Amino acid sequence: MDSWETHSNSRQQASLSSACLVMGLALVALLRDAQPGESSGRAGFLFGVLLLLIGGATLMAHARQSIVVDPVLREIRIEDRRLFGRKLHRIAFAHIQEVQVACLQTRTQRAIRYFLQLQLRNGESCALFAPERVYPGASDPAIVGAWKARLNRYLAVPAA
């Protein structure tokens, strides 16, 4: 069985951050001369500042995540590459108790992103294909269900 490697869509993350920066900069530039009596102009200026902060923070926190399910080493490697370094997390197949499909929902209970939730034997849980990352297909429950089935097939193969 071959290893399974996938990456988050960092271009889409960067483009959303850039859009916030551009919109924020436009609002700040257009409304910087708003007078204190102009409440809507002042609110637009402050919203522009907020968009600049959000865009800057998300661009700084922007990370490309790669996940490798390695049947030979019998482990899952999750690597986050950020602007200021990288972080590697390894999960041995033997430490995984259960794989579940979970979702990130809006207040109206509408699912916007699906991901795999690993329940580990020590009681901890770990998100695979994390909802804050942008993975192609993560908004389709059938695709994420197929990810779960594929991972369960990897876990079912006994150690050599």
N, C-alpha and C. Protein backbone atom coordinates (compact mmCIF):
# COMPACT_ATOMS: atom_id res chain seq x y z
N MET A 1 0.85 -1.18 0.00
CA MET A 1 0.00 0.00 0.00
C MET A 1 0.90 1.24 0.00
N ASP A 2 0.63 2.16 -0.92
CA ASP A 2 1.42 3.38 -1.04
C ASP A 2 1.05 4.39 0.04
N SER A 3 1.98 5.31 0.31
CA SER A 3 1.67 6.37 1.27
C SER A 3 0.70 7.37 0.61
N TRP A 4 -0.04 8.06 1.45
CA TRP A 4 -1.06 9.00 1.02
C TRP A 4 -0.61 10.36 1.49
N GLU A 5 -0.38 11.27 0.56
CA GLU A 5 0.10 12.61 0.91
C GLU A 5 -0.85 13.64 0.33
N THR A 6 -1.18 14.63 1.12
CA THR A 6 -2.06 15.71 0.68
C THR A 6 -1.60 17.03 1.32
N HIS A 7 -1.97 18.13 0.67
CA HIS A 7 -1.56 19.46 1.13
C HIS A 7 -2.78 20.39 1.18
N SER A 8 -2.73 21.32 2.11
CA SER A 8 -3.77 22.34 2.16
C SER A 8 -3.56 23.31 1.00
N ASN A 9 -4.61 24.02 0.64
CA ASN A 9 -4.55 24.98 -0.45
C ASN A 9 -4.12 26.33 0.10
N SER A 10 -2.81 26.55 0.19
CA SER A 10 -2.30 27.77 0.81
C SER A 10 -2.55 28.99 -0.08
N ARG A 11 -2.72 28.81 -1.38
CA ARG A 11 -3.01 29.95 -2.25
C ARG A 11 -4.35 30.58 -1.90
N GLN A 12 -5.33 29.74 -1.63
CA GLN A 12 -6.65 30.26 -1.29
C GLN A 12 -6.59 30.98 0.05
N GLN A 13 -5.84 30.45 1.02
CA GLN A 13 -5.68 31.13 2.30
C GLN A 13 -5.01 32.49 2.11
N ALA A 14 -3.96 32.53 1.31
CA ALA A 14 -3.24 33.79 1.08
C ALA A 14 -4.11 34.79 0.33
N SER A 15 -4.92 34.30 -0.61
CA SER A 15 -5.77 35.23 -1.37
C SER A 15 -6.85 35.84 -0.48
N LEU A 16 -7.39 35.07 0.47
CA LEU A 16 -8.37 35.64 1.40
C LEU A 16 -7.72 36.69 2.30
N SER A 17 -6.50 36.43 2.76
CA SER A 17 -5.78 37.40 3.57
C SER A 17 -5.49 38.66 2.77
N SER A 18 -5.07 38.48 1.53
CA SER A 18 -4.76 39.62 0.67
C SER A 18 -6.02 40.44 0.37
N ALA A 19 -7.15 39.77 0.18
CA ALA A 19 -8.40 40.48 -0.08
C ALA A 19 -8.77 41.35 1.12
N CYS A 20 -8.59 40.82 2.34
CA CYS A 20 -8.86 41.62 3.54
C CYS A 20 -7.94 42.84 3.60
N LEU A 21 -6.68 42.64 3.27
CA LEU A 21 -5.73 43.76 3.28
C LEU A 21 -6.10 44.82 2.25
N VAL A 22 -6.44 44.40 1.04
CA VAL A 22 -6.79 45.36 -0.02
C VAL A 22 -8.06 46.12 0.33
N MET A 23 -9.08 45.40 0.78
CA MET A 23 -10.34 46.06 1.15
C MET A 23 -10.14 47.01 2.32
N GLY A 24 -9.38 46.56 3.31
CA GLY A 24 -9.10 47.41 4.46
C GLY A 24 -8.34 48.65 4.08
N LEU A 25 -7.34 48.49 3.24
CA LEU A 25 -6.54 49.63 2.79
C LEU A 25 -7.40 50.62 1.99
N ALA A 26 -8.28 50.09 1.15
CA ALA A 26 -9.17 50.96 0.36
C ALA A 26 -10.10 51.75 1.28
N LEU A 27 -10.70 51.10 2.25
CA LEU A 27 -11.60 51.79 3.17
C LEU A 27 -10.87 52.84 3.99
N VAL A 28 -9.69 52.49 4.48
CA VAL A 28 -8.91 53.45 5.28
C VAL A 28 -8.53 54.65 4.42
N ALA A 29 -8.07 54.41 3.18
CA ALA A 29 -7.65 55.50 2.31
C ALA A 29 -8.83 56.40 1.92
N LEU A 30 -9.97 55.80 1.62
CA LEU A 30 -11.14 56.59 1.20
C LEU A 30 -11.80 57.34 2.35
N LEU A 31 -11.76 56.78 3.53
CA LEU A 31 -12.51 57.36 4.65
C LEU A 31 -11.62 57.96 5.74
N ARG A 32 -10.35 58.19 5.45
CA ARG A 32 -9.45 58.70 6.49
C ARG A 32 -9.80 60.12 6.91
N ASP A 33 -10.46 60.87 6.03
CA ASP A 33 -10.80 62.25 6.34
C ASP A 33 -12.21 62.39 6.90
N ALA A 34 -12.84 61.30 7.27
CA ALA A 34 -14.21 61.36 7.80
C ALA A 34 -14.21 62.15 9.11
N GLN A 35 -15.15 63.05 9.22
CA GLN A 35 -15.29 63.89 10.40
C GLN A 35 -15.98 63.14 11.53
N PRO A 36 -15.73 63.53 12.79
CA PRO A 36 -16.36 62.83 13.92
C PRO A 36 -17.88 62.79 13.85
N GLY A 37 -18.52 63.76 13.19
CA GLY A 37 -19.98 63.78 13.08
C GLY A 37 -20.51 62.81 12.03
N GLU A 38 -19.66 62.34 11.16
CA GLU A 38 -20.08 61.42 10.11
C GLU A 38 -19.93 59.98 10.61
N SER A 39 -20.94 59.50 11.27
CA SER A 39 -20.83 58.20 11.92
C SER A 39 -20.63 57.05 10.94
N SER A 40 -21.29 57.10 9.79
CA SER A 40 -21.11 55.99 8.84
C SER A 40 -19.71 56.02 8.22
N GLY A 41 -19.18 57.20 7.95
CA GLY A 41 -17.82 57.30 7.42
C GLY A 41 -16.79 56.85 8.44
N ARG A 42 -17.01 57.21 9.69
CA ARG A 42 -16.10 56.79 10.77
C ARG A 42 -16.16 55.28 10.98
N ALA A 43 -17.38 54.73 10.91
CA ALA A 43 -17.55 53.28 11.07
C ALA A 43 -16.87 52.55 9.92
N GLY A 44 -16.98 53.07 8.71
CA GLY A 44 -16.31 52.46 7.56
C GLY A 44 -14.80 52.50 7.71
N PHE A 45 -14.28 53.63 8.22
CA PHE A 45 -12.84 53.74 8.47
C PHE A 45 -12.38 52.71 9.49
N LEU A 46 -13.12 52.58 10.59
CA LEU A 46 -12.76 51.61 11.63
C LEU A 46 -12.89 50.18 11.13
N PHE A 47 -13.87 49.93 10.28
CA PHE A 47 -14.00 48.60 9.68
C PHE A 47 -12.80 48.32 8.78
N GLY A 48 -12.33 49.33 8.06
CA GLY A 48 -11.14 49.17 7.23
C GLY A 48 -9.92 48.84 8.07
N VAL A 49 -9.78 49.51 9.22
CA VAL A 49 -8.67 49.21 10.13
C VAL A 49 -8.78 47.77 10.63
N LEU A 50 -10.00 47.34 10.96
CA LEU A 50 -10.21 45.97 11.42
C LEU A 50 -9.84 44.97 10.32
N LEU A 51 -10.25 45.26 9.08
CA LEU A 51 -9.89 44.36 7.98
C LEU A 51 -8.38 44.31 7.78
N LEU A 52 -7.69 45.43 7.93
CA LEU A 52 -6.24 45.44 7.83
C LEU A 52 -5.60 44.56 8.90
N LEU A 53 -6.11 44.67 10.12
CA LEU A 53 -5.58 43.84 11.22
C LEU A 53 -5.83 42.36 10.98
N ILE A 54 -7.04 42.03 10.56
CA ILE A 54 -7.36 40.62 10.29
C ILE A 54 -6.52 40.09 9.14
N GLY A 55 -6.43 40.85 8.06
CA GLY A 55 -5.64 40.42 6.90
C GLY A 55 -4.17 40.24 7.25
N GLY A 56 -3.63 41.19 8.03
CA GLY A 56 -2.22 41.08 8.43
C GLY A 56 -1.98 39.90 9.35
N ALA A 57 -2.89 39.70 10.31
CA ALA A 57 -2.73 38.59 11.25
C ALA A 57 -2.85 37.24 10.55
N THR A 58 -3.81 37.11 9.65
CA THR A 58 -3.96 35.83 8.96
C THR A 58 -2.83 35.58 7.98
N LEU A 59 -2.28 36.63 7.40
CA LEU A 59 -1.13 36.45 6.52
C LEU A 59 0.10 36.02 7.31
N MET A 60 0.28 36.58 8.51
CA MET A 60 1.40 36.19 9.36
C MET A 60 1.22 34.77 9.90
N ALA A 61 -0.02 34.39 10.20
CA ALA A 61 -0.28 33.05 10.74
C ALA A 61 -0.46 32.02 9.63
N HIS A 62 -0.47 32.48 8.40
CA HIS A 62 -0.67 31.62 7.24
C HIS A 62 0.30 30.44 7.26
N ALA A 63 -0.21 29.27 7.09
CA ALA A 63 0.63 28.07 7.10
C ALA A 63 0.18 27.12 5.99
N ARG A 64 1.13 26.43 5.46
CA ARG A 64 0.83 25.36 4.52
C ARG A 64 0.95 24.06 5.29
N GLN A 65 -0.09 23.28 5.25
CA GLN A 65 -0.09 22.02 6.00
C GLN A 65 -0.01 20.87 5.02
N SER A 66 0.83 19.90 5.36
CA SER A 66 0.88 18.67 4.58
C SER A 66 0.66 17.50 5.53
N ILE A 67 -0.07 16.52 5.02
CA ILE A 67 -0.38 15.33 5.80
C ILE A 67 0.10 14.12 5.00
N VAL A 68 0.87 13.26 5.65
CA VAL A 68 1.36 12.04 5.02
C VAL A 68 0.90 10.86 5.89
N VAL A 69 0.15 9.95 5.29
CA VAL A 69 -0.23 8.71 5.95
C VAL A 69 0.72 7.66 5.39
N ASP A 70 1.62 7.19 6.24
CA ASP A 70 2.69 6.29 5.81
C ASP A 70 2.43 4.88 6.35
N PRO A 71 2.00 3.93 5.48
CA PRO A 71 1.72 2.58 5.95
C PRO A 71 2.98 1.79 6.30
N VAL A 72 4.13 2.17 5.75
CA VAL A 72 5.37 1.46 6.05
C VAL A 72 5.83 1.79 7.48
N LEU A 73 5.87 3.08 7.81
CA LEU A 73 6.25 3.49 9.17
C LEU A 73 5.08 3.41 10.14
N ARG A 74 3.87 3.17 9.60
CA ARG A 74 2.65 3.07 10.40
C ARG A 74 2.43 4.31 11.25
N GLU A 75 2.45 5.46 10.57
CA GLU A 75 2.25 6.72 11.26
C GLU A 75 1.63 7.76 10.32
N ILE A 76 1.07 8.79 10.95
CA ILE A 76 0.57 9.95 10.22
C ILE A 76 1.46 11.12 10.62
N ARG A 77 1.99 11.82 9.61
CA ARG A 77 2.81 13.00 9.87
C ARG A 77 2.04 14.23 9.42
N ILE A 78 1.90 15.19 10.34
CA ILE A 78 1.23 16.45 10.03
C ILE A 78 2.29 17.54 10.18
N GLU A 79 2.58 18.22 9.06
CA GLU A 79 3.60 19.25 9.09
C GLU A 79 2.99 20.60 8.73
N ASP A 80 3.20 21.57 9.60
CA ASP A 80 2.78 22.95 9.36
C ASP A 80 4.01 23.79 9.06
N ARG A 81 4.02 24.41 7.89
CA ARG A 81 5.11 25.33 7.53
C ARG A 81 4.55 26.73 7.58
N ARG A 82 5.11 27.51 8.50
CA ARG A 82 4.68 28.89 8.69
C ARG A 82 5.77 29.84 8.24
N LEU A 83 5.44 31.10 8.28
CA LEU A 83 6.40 32.13 7.94
C LEU A 83 7.61 32.06 8.86
N PHE A 84 7.39 31.71 10.12
CA PHE A 84 8.45 31.67 11.12
C PHE A 84 8.73 30.26 11.61
N GLY A 85 8.97 29.32 10.70
CA GLY A 85 9.36 27.98 11.10
C GLY A 85 8.35 26.91 10.71
N ARG A 86 8.60 25.72 11.24
CA ARG A 86 7.72 24.59 10.94
C ARG A 86 7.49 23.77 12.20
N LYS A 87 6.40 23.01 12.17
CA LYS A 87 6.03 22.16 13.28
C LYS A 87 5.63 20.81 12.70
N LEU A 88 6.18 19.75 13.28
CA LEU A 88 5.88 18.40 12.82
C LEU A 88 5.24 17.61 13.95
N HIS A 89 4.12 16.98 13.67
CA HIS A 89 3.39 16.17 14.65
C HIS A 89 3.25 14.77 14.07
N ARG A 90 3.66 13.76 14.82
CA ARG A 90 3.56 12.36 14.38
C ARG A 90 2.55 11.62 15.24
N ILE A 91 1.72 10.83 14.59
CA ILE A 91 0.73 10.01 15.29
C ILE A 91 0.90 8.58 14.80
N ALA A 92 1.27 7.70 15.70
CA ALA A 92 1.43 6.28 15.35
C ALA A 92 0.05 5.66 15.16
N PHE A 93 -0.05 4.76 14.18
CA PHE A 93 -1.32 4.06 13.95
C PHE A 93 -1.82 3.39 15.23
N ALA A 94 -0.90 2.85 16.02
CA ALA A 94 -1.27 2.12 17.24
C ALA A 94 -1.93 3.03 18.28
N HIS A 95 -1.72 4.35 18.17
CA HIS A 95 -2.31 5.28 19.14
C HIS A 95 -3.71 5.74 18.75
N ILE A 96 -4.16 5.38 17.54
CA ILE A 96 -5.47 5.81 17.06
C ILE A 96 -6.52 4.79 17.47
N GLN A 97 -7.50 5.27 18.21
CA GLN A 97 -8.59 4.40 18.67
C GLN A 97 -9.75 4.41 17.67
N GLU A 98 -10.08 5.60 17.15
CA GLU A 98 -11.25 5.71 16.28
C GLU A 98 -11.07 6.91 15.35
N VAL A 99 -11.67 6.83 14.16
CA VAL A 99 -11.68 7.93 13.20
C VAL A 99 -13.13 8.34 12.99
N GLN A 100 -13.40 9.64 13.16
CA GLN A 100 -14.76 10.15 13.01
C GLN A 100 -14.77 11.30 12.00
N VAL A 101 -15.90 11.49 11.36
CA VAL A 101 -16.09 12.67 10.51
C VAL A 101 -16.73 13.73 11.39
N ALA A 102 -16.12 14.90 11.43
CA ALA A 102 -16.65 16.02 12.22
C ALA A 102 -16.85 17.20 11.27
N CYS A 103 -17.53 18.25 11.76
CA CYS A 103 -17.75 19.40 10.90
C CYS A 103 -17.70 20.70 11.70
N LEU A 104 -17.36 21.75 11.00
CA LEU A 104 -17.39 23.10 11.52
C LEU A 104 -18.70 23.70 11.03
N GLN A 105 -19.52 24.21 11.95
CA GLN A 105 -20.85 24.67 11.57
C GLN A 105 -21.02 26.16 11.86
N THR A 106 -21.98 26.75 11.14
CA THR A 106 -22.38 28.12 11.43
C THR A 106 -23.40 28.08 12.56
N ARG A 107 -23.83 29.22 13.00
CA ARG A 107 -24.83 29.28 14.08
C ARG A 107 -26.16 28.65 13.68
N THR A 108 -26.44 28.63 12.39
CA THR A 108 -27.69 28.03 11.91
C THR A 108 -27.55 26.53 11.68
N GLN A 109 -26.46 25.94 12.21
CA GLN A 109 -26.19 24.51 12.11
C GLN A 109 -25.92 24.05 10.69
N ARG A 110 -25.51 24.97 9.83
CA ARG A 110 -25.13 24.61 8.46
C ARG A 110 -23.64 24.30 8.46
N ALA A 111 -23.29 23.12 8.00
CA ALA A 111 -21.88 22.70 7.97
C ALA A 111 -21.17 23.43 6.84
N ILE A 112 -20.00 23.98 7.16
CA ILE A 112 -19.23 24.67 6.12
C ILE A 112 -17.93 23.95 5.80
N ARG A 113 -17.42 23.17 6.71
CA ARG A 113 -16.19 22.39 6.47
C ARG A 113 -16.30 21.08 7.24
N TYR A 114 -15.86 20.02 6.60
CA TYR A 114 -15.80 18.71 7.24
C TYR A 114 -14.33 18.34 7.41
N PHE A 115 -14.04 17.52 8.38
CA PHE A 115 -12.67 17.07 8.62
C PHE A 115 -12.73 15.76 9.38
N LEU A 116 -11.58 15.11 9.53
CA LEU A 116 -11.52 13.86 10.28
C LEU A 116 -11.04 14.16 11.70
N GLN A 117 -11.71 13.60 12.66
CA GLN A 117 -11.36 13.75 14.07
C GLN A 117 -10.80 12.40 14.54
N LEU A 118 -9.54 12.38 14.93
CA LEU A 118 -8.92 11.16 15.43
C LEU A 118 -9.06 11.11 16.94
N GLN A 119 -9.65 10.05 17.44
CA GLN A 119 -9.71 9.82 18.88
C GLN A 119 -8.53 8.93 19.23
N LEU A 120 -7.65 9.44 20.07
CA LEU A 120 -6.45 8.69 20.43
C LEU A 120 -6.69 7.86 21.69
N ARG A 121 -5.90 6.85 21.88
CA ARG A 121 -6.07 5.94 23.02
C ARG A 121 -5.84 6.63 24.36
N ASN A 122 -5.07 7.72 24.38
CA ASN A 122 -4.81 8.43 25.64
C ASN A 122 -5.92 9.42 25.99
N GLY A 123 -7.00 9.43 25.21
CA GLY A 123 -8.13 10.31 25.49
C GLY A 123 -8.11 11.62 24.71
N GLU A 124 -6.99 11.96 24.11
CA GLU A 124 -6.90 13.19 23.33
C GLU A 124 -7.55 13.01 21.98
N SER A 125 -7.82 14.12 21.32
CA SER A 125 -8.32 14.07 19.95
C SER A 125 -7.45 14.96 19.09
N CYS A 126 -7.43 14.66 17.80
CA CYS A 126 -6.59 15.39 16.85
C CYS A 126 -7.38 15.57 15.56
N ALA A 127 -7.41 16.80 15.06
CA ALA A 127 -8.11 17.08 13.81
C ALA A 127 -7.18 16.80 12.64
N LEU A 128 -7.67 16.04 11.70
CA LEU A 128 -6.93 15.75 10.47
C LEU A 128 -7.67 16.45 9.34
N PHE A 129 -6.98 17.14 8.46
CA PHE A 129 -7.57 18.01 7.45
C PHE A 129 -8.34 19.12 8.17
N ALA A 130 -7.63 19.79 9.08
CA ALA A 130 -8.21 20.78 9.99
C ALA A 130 -9.10 21.79 9.26
N PRO A 131 -10.21 22.17 9.89
CA PRO A 131 -11.16 23.06 9.23
C PRO A 131 -10.61 24.46 8.97
N GLU A 132 -9.61 24.91 9.73
CA GLU A 132 -9.06 26.24 9.47
C GLU A 132 -8.12 26.25 8.28
N ARG A 133 -7.74 25.08 7.80
CA ARG A 133 -6.95 24.95 6.58
C ARG A 133 -7.94 24.75 5.43
N VAL A 134 -7.52 25.02 4.24
CA VAL A 134 -8.40 24.88 3.09
C VAL A 134 -7.95 23.65 2.31
N TYR A 135 -8.73 22.57 2.42
CA TYR A 135 -8.45 21.34 1.68
C TYR A 135 -9.52 21.17 0.61
N PRO A 136 -9.10 20.86 -0.61
CA PRO A 136 -10.08 20.62 -1.67
C PRO A 136 -11.01 19.47 -1.28
N GLY A 137 -12.30 19.71 -1.38
CA GLY A 137 -13.29 18.69 -1.06
C GLY A 137 -13.78 18.71 0.37
N ALA A 138 -13.23 19.57 1.21
CA ALA A 138 -13.60 19.57 2.62
C ALA A 138 -15.02 20.07 2.88
N SER A 139 -15.66 20.65 1.88
CA SER A 139 -17.04 21.09 2.07
C SER A 139 -18.04 20.03 1.59
N ASP A 140 -17.55 18.89 1.15
CA ASP A 140 -18.41 17.80 0.66
C ASP A 140 -18.33 16.61 1.62
N PRO A 141 -19.43 16.30 2.32
CA PRO A 141 -19.38 15.19 3.29
C PRO A 141 -19.06 13.84 2.65
N ALA A 142 -19.42 13.64 1.39
CA ALA A 142 -19.13 12.36 0.72
C ALA A 142 -17.62 12.20 0.52
N ILE A 143 -16.94 13.28 0.15
CA ILE A 143 -15.49 13.21 -0.04
C ILE A 143 -14.79 12.94 1.28
N VAL A 144 -15.20 13.63 2.32
CA VAL A 144 -14.58 13.42 3.63
C VAL A 144 -14.90 12.03 4.16
N GLY A 145 -16.08 11.52 3.86
CA GLY A 145 -16.41 10.14 4.21
C GLY A 145 -15.49 9.15 3.50
N ALA A 146 -15.13 9.46 2.25
CA ALA A 146 -14.18 8.62 1.51
C ALA A 146 -12.79 8.70 2.14
N TRP A 147 -12.41 9.88 2.65
CA TRP A 147 -11.13 10.02 3.36
C TRP A 147 -11.12 9.11 4.58
N LYS A 148 -12.24 9.09 5.31
CA LYS A 148 -12.33 8.25 6.51
C LYS A 148 -12.18 6.78 6.13
N ALA A 149 -12.89 6.35 5.09
CA ALA A 149 -12.81 4.95 4.66
C ALA A 149 -11.38 4.60 4.24
N ARG A 150 -10.73 5.51 3.53
CA ARG A 150 -9.35 5.26 3.09
C ARG A 150 -8.41 5.14 4.29
N LEU A 151 -8.56 6.04 5.26
CA LEU A 151 -7.71 5.98 6.45
C LEU A 151 -7.96 4.70 7.24
N ASN A 152 -9.22 4.30 7.35
CA ASN A 152 -9.53 3.06 8.06
C ASN A 152 -8.92 1.84 7.37
N ARG A 153 -8.85 1.86 6.03
CA ARG A 153 -8.18 0.77 5.30
C ARG A 153 -6.69 0.73 5.65
N TYR A 154 -6.06 1.88 5.75
CA TYR A 154 -4.64 1.94 6.13
C TYR A 154 -4.45 1.40 7.54
N LEU A 155 -5.35 1.78 8.45
CA LEU A 155 -5.21 1.36 9.84
C LEU A 155 -5.47 -0.12 10.01
N ALA A 156 -6.28 -0.71 9.14
CA ALA A 156 -6.65 -2.12 9.27
C ALA A 156 -5.54 -3.08 8.86
N VAL A 157 -4.59 -2.61 8.05
CA VAL A 157 -3.50 -3.48 7.60
C VAL A 157 -2.59 -3.75 8.79
N PRO A 158 -2.36 -5.02 9.11
CA PRO A 158 -1.51 -5.34 10.27
C PRO A 158 -0.05 -4.95 10.04
N ALA A 159 0.64 -4.70 11.14
CA ALA A 159 2.06 -4.34 11.07
C ALA A 159 2.87 -5.53 10.52
N ALA A 160 3.84 -5.21 9.70
CA ALA A 160 4.67 -6.27 9.10
C ALA A 160 5.72 -6.78 10.07
